Amino acid sequence: MTEEATPDAVRVAPMTDKDTQLPDGGLPSPSIAKGARIDRKRLFCILLGLALFAIVYFAPTLPPAVDPAGKEFALSREGKAALALFFLAATWWVTEVIPIGVTSITIGVVQALFLIRSAEDAFTDFMVPSVWFIFGSLMFGMVFTKTGITRRMAYKMLSLVGERTSMIYLGCFVMTSALTLIMAHTAVAATVFPLFMAVYALYTDKTEPTKFGKGLFIGMAFVAGAGSIITLLGAARGAVAIGFYRELTEETISFFQLTYYMLPVGAVMTFLLWLYFLIYYPPEKKTIPGLRDRVNRLYQSLGPITRKETLALTIVFGTIVTLSLRSFIPPFEAIDKAPIILVATVLFFLFKIVELEDLEGTSWNIILLFGGAMSIGLCLWETGAAEWLAVNWLTMFQESHWMMFVMGIAVFVLVMTNVIMNVAAIAISMPVALVMAPYVGVAPEVVLFASLVTAGMPFLLLVGAAPNAIAYASRQFTTAEFFRTGIPASILLIIVLAVFVWFIWPAMGMPVAT
């Protein structure tokens, strides 16, 4: 294989017979020569993941966590094993020593072999409704690409934003963020992904990743999260968090009250992320000369909208409207979002918009990734490991200033939402945080909103949110690059949140300190 084919391999310069002669003048055996080409970096990462698993798994029993009310949360053998498995999976996911979908399979295998959970529980998680929702979302993107809708949308947007790549960044990001106001961020990412692929095809015809490609697709994932915090329609986490809040405080947060406080945060983060990607991944080209004329010609060449395009748009928008109505019409709330979006998949086949060969081209690597994410998330939840972590972390701040307590909660949710479902991250942290809030003089409202902000923006791991995994399908970046890009972005998020908690939200009327 060439160096280009193995970018993470150890580089071995071409050697002549003279270079490879042994001290006695002979040549090394084929096995020795083959051994010289071992990918040491990959081997190190494999062993690192296994070593972390072994260290945590065989560690002595850890003491229980104790909340301010004196309640103890013991860490069971299964809980400790779940933490060990998480360290193994996170290491392999970030370094991509094996395909990310295969790492997810490993999660189920280890749970069953080490009796952390039953095989039935571990592998059933790969087929839960949330994973099927990801499948349905990917079908949206496939249909948009096949019918040509994405090209129409891409050409029309580019004709508006012009030839400057900085403005193309901005146009793509604003559109993504704005769409999450009315539809789930997973569906938004699946919808705009093929559109961004069409945009990128006009930037370059080369197959190698570019800075513009990295910024465009990682940015798509990030701003989808930033926009999704603004309304209850952007993601399920908002409704779940408000439900917890109502049960624990007997107070209700309305749809418009949530938007009132979250809109400025989402808008500021969208704009700052645009600036961030302009600096972190500056496009190689400042402009694409002649782009506007070119896309106008391409748009005209598409001709009138076809019957398949009309059918596809009708099905997609009908699905989006139905999903949105779940937040407003009580009878719809009982229907899970997965069967709703899968109805669209069935209709695509009924009307012959897609065929069997299209289904075979689905990104199963991404679907397996989310299956594994669900499995490790539920494993941490059901074994009590996640709750043990939450209590241990938050009790560190029970004697601190109220601001440190709120930011401590936010940081914990930020870390956990990169590991497990953001709904689960909210579920394990909110009860503990709201119990502790009176002890440190913090109003419950600020705990809720601060948690929702960081729960919506997992910038570190692909498993943190579906848009992250969808963006990965562009093949413009590795999981390690995504992780490195997410570290400064996460720090930026915490700084922005701190400004809102300390200055802006109180000025808007939010109770903060009691």
Protein backbone atom coordinates (compact mmCIF):
# COMPACT_ATOMS: atom_id res chain seq x y z
CA MET A 1 0.00 0.00 0.00
CA THR A 2 1.15 3.53 -0.66
CA GLU A 3 1.73 6.15 2.01
CA GLU A 4 -1.43 7.92 0.85
CA ALA A 5 -3.40 4.74 1.45
CA THR A 6 -2.11 4.40 5.01
CA PRO A 7 -1.86 7.92 6.44
CA ASP A 8 -1.54 6.74 10.03
CA ALA A 9 1.11 4.13 9.36
CA VAL A 10 4.74 4.59 10.39
CA ARG A 11 6.59 5.98 7.38
CA VAL A 12 9.36 3.64 6.20
CA ALA A 13 11.63 5.07 3.55
CA PRO A 14 12.31 2.86 0.51
CA MET A 15 15.37 0.67 1.19
CA THR A 16 17.93 -0.85 -1.13
CA ASP A 17 19.61 -4.22 -0.69
CA LYS A 18 22.62 -2.36 0.71
CA ASP A 19 20.46 -0.69 3.32
CA THR A 20 18.94 -3.96 4.45
CA GLN A 21 22.09 -6.09 4.61
CA LEU A 22 22.77 -7.80 7.93
CA PRO A 23 26.23 -7.59 9.58
CA ASP A 24 27.22 -10.90 7.96
CA GLY A 25 26.38 -9.54 4.52
CA GLY A 26 23.13 -11.44 4.12
CA LEU A 27 19.63 -10.09 3.61
CA PRO A 28 16.89 -10.17 6.23
CA SER A 29 14.23 -12.80 5.95
CA PRO A 30 10.84 -11.83 4.49
CA SER A 31 9.30 -12.10 7.96
CA ILE A 32 11.77 -9.55 9.37
CA ALA A 33 11.17 -7.18 6.47
CA LYS A 34 7.45 -7.52 6.93
CA GLY A 35 7.80 -6.83 10.67
CA ALA A 36 9.53 -3.52 9.89
CA ARG A 37 6.29 -2.28 8.38
CA ILE A 38 4.20 -2.82 11.53
CA ASP A 39 1.97 0.17 12.21
CA ARG A 40 3.37 0.97 15.65
CA LYS A 41 0.99 3.87 16.23
CA ARG A 42 -2.03 1.66 15.62
CA LEU A 43 -0.62 -1.12 17.79
CA PHE A 44 0.03 1.35 20.61
CA CYS A 45 -3.55 2.65 20.48
CA ILE A 46 -4.99 -0.87 20.50
CA LEU A 47 -2.90 -1.79 23.52
CA LEU A 48 -3.69 1.52 25.24
CA GLY A 49 -7.42 0.84 25.05
CA LEU A 50 -6.95 -2.69 26.38
CA ALA A 51 -4.64 -1.46 29.16
CA LEU A 52 -7.15 1.17 30.29
CA PHE A 53 -9.85 -1.48 30.36
CA ALA A 54 -7.69 -3.81 32.45
CA ILE A 55 -6.60 -1.08 34.89
CA VAL A 56 -10.16 0.00 35.66
CA TYR A 57 -11.68 -3.49 35.55
CA PHE A 58 -9.15 -5.01 37.99
CA ALA A 59 -8.92 -1.93 40.23
CA PRO A 60 -9.94 -2.37 43.89
CA THR A 61 -13.55 -1.61 44.78
CA LEU A 62 -14.08 2.14 44.85
CA PRO A 63 -15.91 3.86 47.73
CA PRO A 64 -19.56 4.82 47.27
CA ALA A 65 -20.60 8.35 46.31
CA VAL A 66 -22.61 10.27 48.91
CA ASP A 67 -24.95 13.17 48.10
CA PRO A 68 -25.62 16.11 50.48
CA ALA A 69 -28.68 14.33 51.89
CA GLY A 70 -26.49 11.40 52.97
CA LYS A 71 -27.73 8.94 50.36
CA GLU A 72 -25.04 6.51 49.20
CA PHE A 73 -24.47 5.38 45.61
CA ALA A 74 -22.28 2.28 45.51
CA LEU A 75 -20.28 1.32 42.44
CA SER A 76 -21.00 -2.34 41.70
CA ARG A 77 -18.72 -4.76 39.90
CA GLU A 78 -20.83 -4.28 36.78
CA GLY A 79 -20.62 -0.50 37.14
CA LYS A 80 -16.83 -0.60 37.39
CA ALA A 81 -16.70 -2.89 34.37
CA ALA A 82 -18.95 -0.47 32.47
CA LEU A 83 -16.47 2.35 33.17
CA ALA A 84 -13.62 0.12 31.98
CA LEU A 85 -15.50 -0.64 28.77
CA PHE A 86 -16.15 3.04 28.20
CA PHE A 87 -12.41 3.84 28.37
CA LEU A 88 -11.69 1.06 25.87
CA ALA A 89 -14.42 2.19 23.46
CA ALA A 90 -13.55 5.90 23.72
CA THR A 91 -9.87 5.18 22.98
CA TRP A 92 -10.64 3.06 19.95
CA TRP A 93 -13.31 5.45 18.69
CA VAL A 94 -11.01 8.48 18.84
CA THR A 95 -8.01 6.73 17.31
CA GLU A 96 -9.96 4.64 14.77
CA VAL A 97 -7.75 1.60 15.20
CA ILE A 98 -10.63 -0.37 13.73
CA PRO A 99 -13.75 0.96 11.96
CA ILE A 100 -15.96 2.88 14.39
CA GLY A 101 -18.86 0.53 13.70
CA VAL A 102 -16.70 -2.48 14.64
CA THR A 103 -15.71 -0.77 17.90
CA SER A 104 -19.43 -0.51 18.59
CA ILE A 105 -19.80 -4.25 18.03
CA THR A 106 -16.95 -4.73 20.52
CA ILE A 107 -19.04 -2.88 23.11
CA GLY A 108 -21.78 -5.48 22.88
CA VAL A 109 -19.32 -8.38 22.84
CA VAL A 110 -17.46 -7.23 25.95
CA GLN A 111 -20.68 -6.66 27.90
CA ALA A 112 -21.79 -10.20 27.18
CA LEU A 113 -18.41 -11.92 27.72
CA PHE A 114 -17.62 -10.11 30.99
CA LEU A 115 -21.20 -10.47 32.28
CA ILE A 116 -21.67 -6.72 32.60
CA ARG A 117 -25.14 -7.08 31.12
CA SER A 118 -26.89 -9.91 29.37
CA ALA A 119 -26.20 -10.43 25.68
CA GLU A 120 -29.86 -9.78 24.97
CA ASP A 121 -29.72 -6.35 26.63
CA ALA A 122 -26.36 -5.41 25.15
CA PHE A 123 -27.27 -6.21 21.56
CA THR A 124 -30.93 -5.21 21.69
CA ASP A 125 -29.70 -1.65 22.23
CA PHE A 126 -28.41 -1.69 18.65
CA MET A 127 -32.00 -1.81 17.42
CA VAL A 128 -33.72 0.67 19.76
CA PRO A 129 -36.00 3.31 18.17
CA SER A 130 -33.31 6.02 18.33
CA VAL A 131 -31.03 3.97 16.08
CA TRP A 132 -33.88 3.43 13.62
CA PHE A 133 -34.46 7.18 13.67
CA ILE A 134 -30.85 7.61 12.52
CA PHE A 135 -31.51 5.13 9.72
CA GLY A 136 -34.59 7.06 8.63
CA SER A 137 -32.66 10.33 8.72
CA LEU A 138 -29.96 8.86 6.48
CA MET A 139 -32.68 7.80 4.04
CA PHE A 140 -33.77 11.45 3.82
CA GLY A 141 -30.28 12.40 2.70
CA MET A 142 -30.13 9.53 0.21
CA VAL A 143 -33.45 10.54 -1.35
CA PHE A 144 -32.48 14.19 -1.61
CA THR A 145 -29.26 13.21 -3.36
CA LYS A 146 -30.80 10.70 -5.77
CA THR A 147 -33.67 12.91 -6.88
CA GLY A 148 -31.48 15.96 -7.41
CA ILE A 149 -33.17 18.12 -4.79
CA THR A 150 -29.82 18.77 -3.11
CA ARG A 151 -28.34 20.20 -6.28
CA ARG A 152 -31.26 22.57 -6.67
CA MET A 153 -30.91 23.74 -3.08
CA ALA A 154 -27.13 24.03 -3.30
CA TYR A 155 -27.16 26.03 -6.52
CA LYS A 156 -29.85 28.39 -5.24
CA MET A 157 -28.01 29.02 -1.95
CA LEU A 158 -24.66 29.59 -3.66
CA SER A 159 -26.21 32.05 -6.07
CA LEU A 160 -27.30 34.05 -3.01
CA VAL A 161 -24.14 33.91 -0.86
CA GLY A 162 -21.74 34.51 -3.75
CA GLU A 163 -18.18 33.38 -4.47
CA ARG A 164 -16.38 34.12 -1.17
CA THR A 165 -15.74 30.91 0.74
CA SER A 166 -16.16 32.72 4.06
CA MET A 167 -19.70 33.63 3.03
CA ILE A 168 -20.33 30.06 1.88
CA TYR A 169 -19.34 28.93 5.38
CA LEU A 170 -21.72 31.49 6.88
CA GLY A 171 -24.61 30.67 4.56
CA CYS A 172 -24.33 26.95 5.24
CA PHE A 173 -24.05 27.40 9.00
CA VAL A 174 -26.91 29.87 9.33
CA MET A 175 -29.18 27.67 7.22
CA THR A 176 -28.37 24.61 9.34
CA SER A 177 -28.91 26.44 12.61
CA ALA A 178 -32.15 28.02 11.41
CA LEU A 179 -33.64 24.71 10.29
CA THR A 180 -33.19 23.26 13.78
CA LEU A 181 -35.76 25.78 15.03
CA ILE A 182 -38.51 23.79 13.36
CA MET A 183 -37.14 20.24 13.04
CA ALA A 184 -34.90 17.83 14.94
CA HIS A 185 -31.20 18.46 14.48
CA THR A 186 -30.69 14.86 13.31
CA ALA A 187 -33.18 15.34 10.48
CA VAL A 188 -31.60 18.72 9.68
CA ALA A 189 -28.13 17.19 9.43
CA ALA A 190 -29.43 14.38 7.21
CA THR A 191 -31.18 16.94 5.00
CA VAL A 192 -28.33 19.41 4.57
CA PHE A 193 -25.54 16.83 4.36
CA PRO A 194 -26.09 15.98 0.68
CA LEU A 195 -26.55 19.70 0.02
CA PHE A 196 -23.13 20.40 1.52
CA MET A 197 -21.65 17.56 -0.51
CA ALA A 198 -22.96 19.26 -3.64
CA VAL A 199 -21.47 22.57 -2.47
CA TYR A 200 -18.14 20.93 -1.80
CA ALA A 201 -18.10 19.33 -5.25
CA LEU A 202 -18.08 22.84 -6.71
CA TYR A 203 -15.11 23.79 -4.51
CA THR A 204 -12.82 21.01 -5.72
CA ASP A 205 -12.94 17.83 -7.77
CA LYS A 206 -10.09 16.21 -5.82
CA THR A 207 -10.75 13.31 -3.48
CA GLU A 208 -8.28 14.34 -0.76
CA PRO A 209 -9.71 16.12 2.30
CA THR A 210 -9.26 19.88 2.44
CA LYS A 211 -9.41 22.48 5.18
CA PHE A 212 -12.59 23.84 3.64
CA GLY A 213 -14.14 20.37 3.67
CA LYS A 214 -13.19 19.78 7.29
CA GLY A 215 -14.57 23.14 8.37
CA LEU A 216 -17.75 22.76 6.33
CA PHE A 217 -18.76 19.36 7.67
CA ILE A 218 -17.50 19.57 11.25
CA GLY A 219 -19.06 23.02 11.36
CA MET A 220 -22.34 21.57 10.13
CA ALA A 221 -22.38 19.19 13.11
CA PHE A 222 -21.46 21.90 15.60
CA VAL A 223 -23.98 24.52 14.50
CA ALA A 224 -26.73 21.88 14.29
CA GLY A 225 -26.18 21.44 18.02
CA ALA A 226 -26.04 25.19 18.63
CA GLY A 227 -29.36 25.75 16.88
CA SER A 228 -31.06 22.74 18.45
CA ILE A 229 -31.06 24.28 21.95
CA ILE A 230 -33.30 27.20 20.93
CA THR A 231 -36.70 25.49 20.70
CA LEU A 232 -38.27 22.24 21.88
CA LEU A 233 -38.45 21.13 18.25
CA GLY A 234 -34.66 20.94 17.86
CA ALA A 235 -34.19 17.81 19.98
CA ALA A 236 -35.95 15.60 22.51
CA ARG A 237 -33.62 16.61 25.34
CA GLY A 238 -35.49 19.87 26.02
CA ALA A 239 -38.83 18.21 26.67
CA VAL A 240 -37.22 15.53 28.85
CA ALA A 241 -35.33 18.10 30.93
CA ILE A 242 -38.43 20.23 31.43
CA GLY A 243 -40.32 17.12 32.50
CA PHE A 244 -37.67 16.34 35.13
CA TYR A 245 -37.72 19.96 36.24
CA ARG A 246 -41.49 19.96 36.64
CA GLU A 247 -41.44 16.76 38.70
CA LEU A 248 -38.67 17.95 41.00
CA THR A 249 -39.67 21.60 41.47
CA GLU A 250 -43.39 21.61 40.59
CA GLU A 251 -42.70 24.53 38.25
CA THR A 252 -43.32 24.61 34.50
CA ILE A 253 -41.13 26.05 31.75
CA SER A 254 -43.14 27.01 28.66
CA PHE A 255 -42.12 26.61 25.02
CA PHE A 256 -41.63 30.35 24.59
CA GLN A 257 -39.86 30.81 27.92
CA LEU A 258 -37.26 28.27 26.82
CA THR A 259 -36.80 30.03 23.49
CA TYR A 260 -36.55 33.45 25.18
CA TYR A 261 -33.46 32.42 27.15
CA MET A 262 -31.90 30.04 24.62
CA LEU A 263 -32.22 32.04 21.41
CA PRO A 264 -29.39 34.48 22.21
CA VAL A 265 -27.10 31.62 23.26
CA GLY A 266 -27.76 29.63 20.09
CA ALA A 267 -27.37 32.71 17.87
CA VAL A 268 -24.11 33.80 19.52
CA MET A 269 -22.65 30.28 19.30
CA THR A 270 -23.60 29.96 15.63
CA PHE A 271 -21.82 33.22 14.81
CA LEU A 272 -18.77 32.42 16.97
CA LEU A 273 -18.47 28.95 15.45
CA TRP A 274 -18.40 30.55 12.01
CA LEU A 275 -15.48 32.74 13.10
CA TYR A 276 -13.84 29.76 14.79
CA PHE A 277 -13.85 27.64 11.64
CA LEU A 278 -12.59 30.53 9.54
CA ILE A 279 -9.56 30.60 11.84
CA TYR A 280 -9.16 26.89 12.59
CA TYR A 281 -9.85 25.64 9.06
CA PRO A 282 -9.29 28.64 6.75
CA PRO A 283 -10.37 27.67 3.21
CA GLU A 284 -7.49 27.19 0.78
CA LYS A 285 -9.33 29.45 -1.66
CA LYS A 286 -10.62 32.88 -0.64
CA THR A 287 -13.04 32.88 -3.54
CA ILE A 288 -14.27 30.52 -6.24
CA PRO A 289 -14.10 32.72 -9.35
CA GLY A 290 -17.08 32.45 -11.66
CA LEU A 291 -19.02 30.37 -9.13
CA ARG A 292 -22.22 32.42 -9.30
CA ASP A 293 -22.45 32.25 -13.09
CA ARG A 294 -21.58 28.57 -13.01
CA VAL A 295 -24.26 27.62 -10.47
CA ASN A 296 -26.86 29.68 -12.33
CA ARG A 297 -26.12 27.71 -15.49
CA LEU A 298 -26.18 24.43 -13.58
CA TYR A 299 -29.49 25.34 -11.96
CA GLN A 300 -31.03 26.09 -15.37
CA SER A 301 -29.72 22.78 -16.71
CA LEU A 302 -31.73 20.88 -14.10
CA GLY A 303 -34.94 21.85 -15.86
CA PRO A 304 -38.36 21.89 -14.22
CA ILE A 305 -38.90 20.02 -10.98
CA THR A 306 -39.71 16.37 -11.60
CA ARG A 307 -42.51 14.17 -10.28
CA LYS A 308 -40.07 12.22 -8.07
CA GLU A 309 -38.71 15.43 -6.59
CA THR A 310 -42.24 16.64 -5.81
CA LEU A 311 -43.15 13.32 -4.20
CA ALA A 312 -39.95 13.26 -2.17
CA LEU A 313 -40.43 16.82 -0.92
CA THR A 314 -44.05 16.11 -0.01
CA ILE A 315 -43.11 13.02 1.99
CA VAL A 316 -40.18 14.70 3.72
CA PHE A 317 -42.01 17.87 4.71
CA GLY A 318 -45.07 15.88 5.74
CA THR A 319 -42.83 13.85 8.04
CA ILE A 320 -41.20 16.98 9.46
CA VAL A 321 -44.58 18.58 10.17
CA THR A 322 -45.81 15.41 11.87
CA LEU A 323 -42.67 15.23 14.03
CA SER A 324 -43.10 18.89 14.98
CA LEU A 325 -46.75 18.41 15.95
CA ARG A 326 -45.68 15.91 18.63
CA SER A 327 -44.73 18.89 20.79
CA PHE A 328 -48.14 20.56 20.47
CA ILE A 329 -50.81 17.87 20.02
CA PRO A 330 -51.13 15.55 23.05
CA PRO A 331 -52.24 12.41 21.13
CA PHE A 332 -49.10 12.66 18.97
CA GLU A 333 -46.79 12.70 22.00
CA ALA A 334 -47.40 9.00 22.62
CA ILE A 335 -46.09 8.09 19.15
CA ASP A 336 -42.33 7.61 19.01
CA LYS A 337 -40.45 9.64 16.40
CA ALA A 338 -38.81 6.52 14.89
CA PRO A 339 -41.96 4.96 13.35
CA ILE A 340 -42.96 8.37 12.01
CA ILE A 341 -39.74 8.81 10.09
CA LEU A 342 -39.75 5.15 9.00
CA VAL A 343 -43.18 5.66 7.40
CA ALA A 344 -41.36 8.04 5.06
CA THR A 345 -38.83 5.30 4.25
CA VAL A 346 -41.65 2.88 3.35
CA LEU A 347 -43.30 5.54 1.15
CA PHE A 348 -40.02 6.15 -0.68
CA PHE A 349 -40.07 2.51 -1.75
CA LEU A 350 -43.81 2.39 -2.45
CA PHE A 351 -43.51 5.28 -4.89
CA LYS A 352 -40.25 3.87 -6.33
CA ILE A 353 -38.26 6.94 -5.39
CA VAL A 354 -35.52 4.60 -4.16
CA GLU A 355 -34.67 1.01 -5.03
CA LEU A 356 -33.04 -1.93 -3.24
CA GLU A 357 -29.56 -1.05 -4.47
CA ASP A 358 -29.94 2.36 -2.80
CA LEU A 359 -30.69 0.66 0.52
CA GLU A 360 -27.56 -1.45 0.16
CA GLY A 361 -25.54 1.78 -0.08
CA THR A 362 -26.66 2.94 3.38
CA SER A 363 -23.82 3.90 5.74
CA TRP A 364 -24.09 0.95 8.11
CA ASN A 365 -20.86 2.07 9.79
CA ILE A 366 -22.72 5.14 11.08
CA ILE A 367 -25.75 3.11 12.16
CA LEU A 368 -23.53 0.66 14.06
CA LEU A 369 -21.76 3.61 15.66
CA PHE A 370 -25.01 4.83 17.14
CA GLY A 371 -26.03 1.34 18.14
CA GLY A 372 -22.81 1.09 20.13
CA ALA A 373 -23.35 4.55 21.60
CA MET A 374 -26.79 3.52 22.81
CA SER A 375 -25.41 0.28 24.24
CA ILE A 376 -22.55 1.87 26.24
CA GLY A 377 -24.83 4.71 27.35
CA LEU A 378 -27.49 2.37 28.69
CA CYS A 379 -24.78 0.18 30.19
CA LEU A 380 -23.40 3.12 32.21
CA TRP A 381 -26.94 4.08 33.18
CA GLU A 382 -28.31 0.68 34.19
CA THR A 383 -25.21 -0.39 36.14
CA GLY A 384 -25.30 2.83 38.18
CA ALA A 385 -21.85 3.95 36.96
CA ALA A 386 -23.15 7.20 35.45
CA GLU A 387 -25.04 8.16 38.62
CA TRP A 388 -21.98 7.34 40.73
CA LEU A 389 -19.91 9.67 38.55
CA ALA A 390 -22.51 12.45 38.75
CA VAL A 391 -22.73 12.42 42.55
CA ASN A 392 -18.96 12.25 42.99
CA TRP A 393 -18.43 15.14 40.59
CA LEU A 394 -21.14 17.48 41.83
CA THR A 395 -20.42 17.01 45.54
CA MET A 396 -17.00 18.52 44.84
CA PHE A 397 -18.78 21.86 44.34
CA GLN A 398 -21.22 21.79 47.28
CA GLU A 399 -19.07 24.19 49.32
CA SER A 400 -18.08 26.43 46.40
CA HIS A 401 -19.46 29.71 45.05
CA TRP A 402 -22.79 29.36 43.26
CA MET A 403 -21.18 30.26 39.94
CA MET A 404 -18.64 27.45 40.25
CA PHE A 405 -21.44 25.04 41.10
CA VAL A 406 -23.46 25.96 38.00
CA MET A 407 -20.40 25.73 35.73
CA GLY A 408 -19.44 22.43 37.37
CA ILE A 409 -22.84 21.02 36.43
CA ALA A 410 -22.46 22.37 32.90
CA VAL A 411 -19.02 20.82 32.46
CA PHE A 412 -20.23 17.45 33.76
CA VAL A 413 -23.17 17.43 31.35
CA LEU A 414 -20.83 18.50 28.52
CA VAL A 415 -18.52 15.55 29.17
CA MET A 416 -21.31 13.03 29.66
CA THR A 417 -23.28 14.13 26.60
CA ASN A 418 -20.23 13.23 24.49
CA VAL A 419 -20.34 9.73 25.95
CA ILE A 420 -23.99 8.81 26.37
CA MET A 421 -27.29 10.11 25.03
CA ASN A 422 -27.80 13.75 25.97
CA VAL A 423 -31.21 12.79 27.36
CA ALA A 424 -29.48 10.34 29.70
CA ALA A 425 -26.84 12.93 30.62
CA ILE A 426 -29.66 15.28 31.65
CA ALA A 427 -31.49 12.51 33.48
CA ILE A 428 -28.54 11.55 35.69
CA SER A 429 -27.34 15.08 36.47
CA MET A 430 -30.57 17.06 36.90
CA PRO A 431 -31.96 15.22 39.95
CA VAL A 432 -28.62 15.40 41.80
CA ALA A 433 -28.02 19.04 40.81
CA LEU A 434 -31.51 20.19 41.80
CA VAL A 435 -31.21 18.48 45.18
CA MET A 436 -27.88 20.23 45.80
CA ALA A 437 -28.92 23.65 44.43
CA PRO A 438 -30.55 24.94 47.67
CA TYR A 439 -27.39 24.07 49.65
CA VAL A 440 -25.28 26.43 47.54
CA GLY A 441 -27.92 29.12 46.99
CA VAL A 442 -28.62 28.49 43.29
CA ALA A 443 -32.01 28.96 41.64
CA PRO A 444 -33.21 25.81 39.86
CA GLU A 445 -33.89 27.68 36.58
CA VAL A 446 -30.25 28.41 35.91
CA VAL A 447 -29.35 24.76 36.59
CA LEU A 448 -31.87 23.66 33.96
CA PHE A 449 -30.84 26.13 31.26
CA ALA A 450 -27.09 25.76 31.80
CA SER A 451 -27.44 21.97 31.54
CA LEU A 452 -29.49 22.24 28.35
CA VAL A 453 -26.89 24.48 26.70
CA THR A 454 -24.00 22.05 27.11
CA ALA A 455 -26.18 18.96 26.54
CA GLY A 456 -26.92 20.26 23.06
CA MET A 457 -23.33 20.78 21.94
CA PRO A 458 -21.19 17.63 22.19
CA PHE A 459 -18.14 18.73 20.21
CA LEU A 460 -15.68 15.96 21.15
CA LEU A 461 -16.88 12.50 20.12
CA LEU A 462 -18.88 11.34 17.12
CA VAL A 463 -21.18 9.36 19.41
CA GLY A 464 -22.23 12.55 21.19
CA ALA A 465 -24.88 13.43 18.61
CA ALA A 466 -26.25 12.11 15.34
CA PRO A 467 -25.12 15.18 13.30
CA ASN A 468 -21.52 14.39 14.32
CA ALA A 469 -21.78 10.91 12.85
CA ILE A 470 -23.59 12.12 9.74
CA ALA A 471 -20.83 14.68 9.12
CA TYR A 472 -18.24 11.90 9.43
CA ALA A 473 -19.74 10.24 6.35
CA SER A 474 -18.16 13.05 4.29
CA ARG A 475 -14.75 11.40 4.83
CA GLN A 476 -13.23 14.85 5.22
CA PHE A 477 -11.89 14.24 8.73
CA THR A 478 -10.85 11.54 11.15
CA THR A 479 -12.30 10.98 14.61
CA ALA A 480 -9.04 12.29 16.08
CA GLU A 481 -9.36 15.50 14.05
CA PHE A 482 -12.95 15.89 15.21
CA PHE A 483 -11.82 15.47 18.82
CA ARG A 484 -8.99 18.00 18.48
CA THR A 485 -11.29 20.49 16.77
CA GLY A 486 -13.85 20.06 19.51
CA ILE A 487 -11.55 20.91 22.43
CA PRO A 488 -11.21 24.67 21.68
CA ALA A 489 -14.87 24.78 20.61
CA SER A 490 -15.94 23.26 23.94
CA ILE A 491 -13.82 25.79 25.84
CA LEU A 492 -15.44 28.56 23.79
CA LEU A 493 -18.87 27.17 24.71
CA ILE A 494 -18.06 27.18 28.44
CA ILE A 495 -16.83 30.79 28.23
CA VAL A 496 -19.99 31.90 26.42
CA LEU A 497 -22.17 30.07 28.94
CA ALA A 498 -20.32 31.68 31.86
CA VAL A 499 -21.00 35.14 30.39
CA PHE A 500 -24.69 34.33 30.06
CA VAL A 501 -24.98 32.86 33.57
CA TRP A 502 -23.14 35.77 35.22
CA PHE A 503 -24.39 38.76 33.18
CA ILE A 504 -26.91 38.23 30.40
CA TRP A 505 -29.50 35.83 31.81
CA PRO A 506 -29.90 37.81 35.06
CA ALA A 507 -30.35 40.97 32.97
CA MET A 508 -33.07 39.14 31.02
CA GLY A 509 -34.89 38.32 34.26
CA MET A 510 -33.77 34.77 35.00
CA PRO A 511 -33.43 33.94 38.72
CA VAL A 512 -29.86 32.82 39.34
CA ALA A 513 -28.81 33.02 42.99
CA THR A 514 -31.25 32.57 45.87
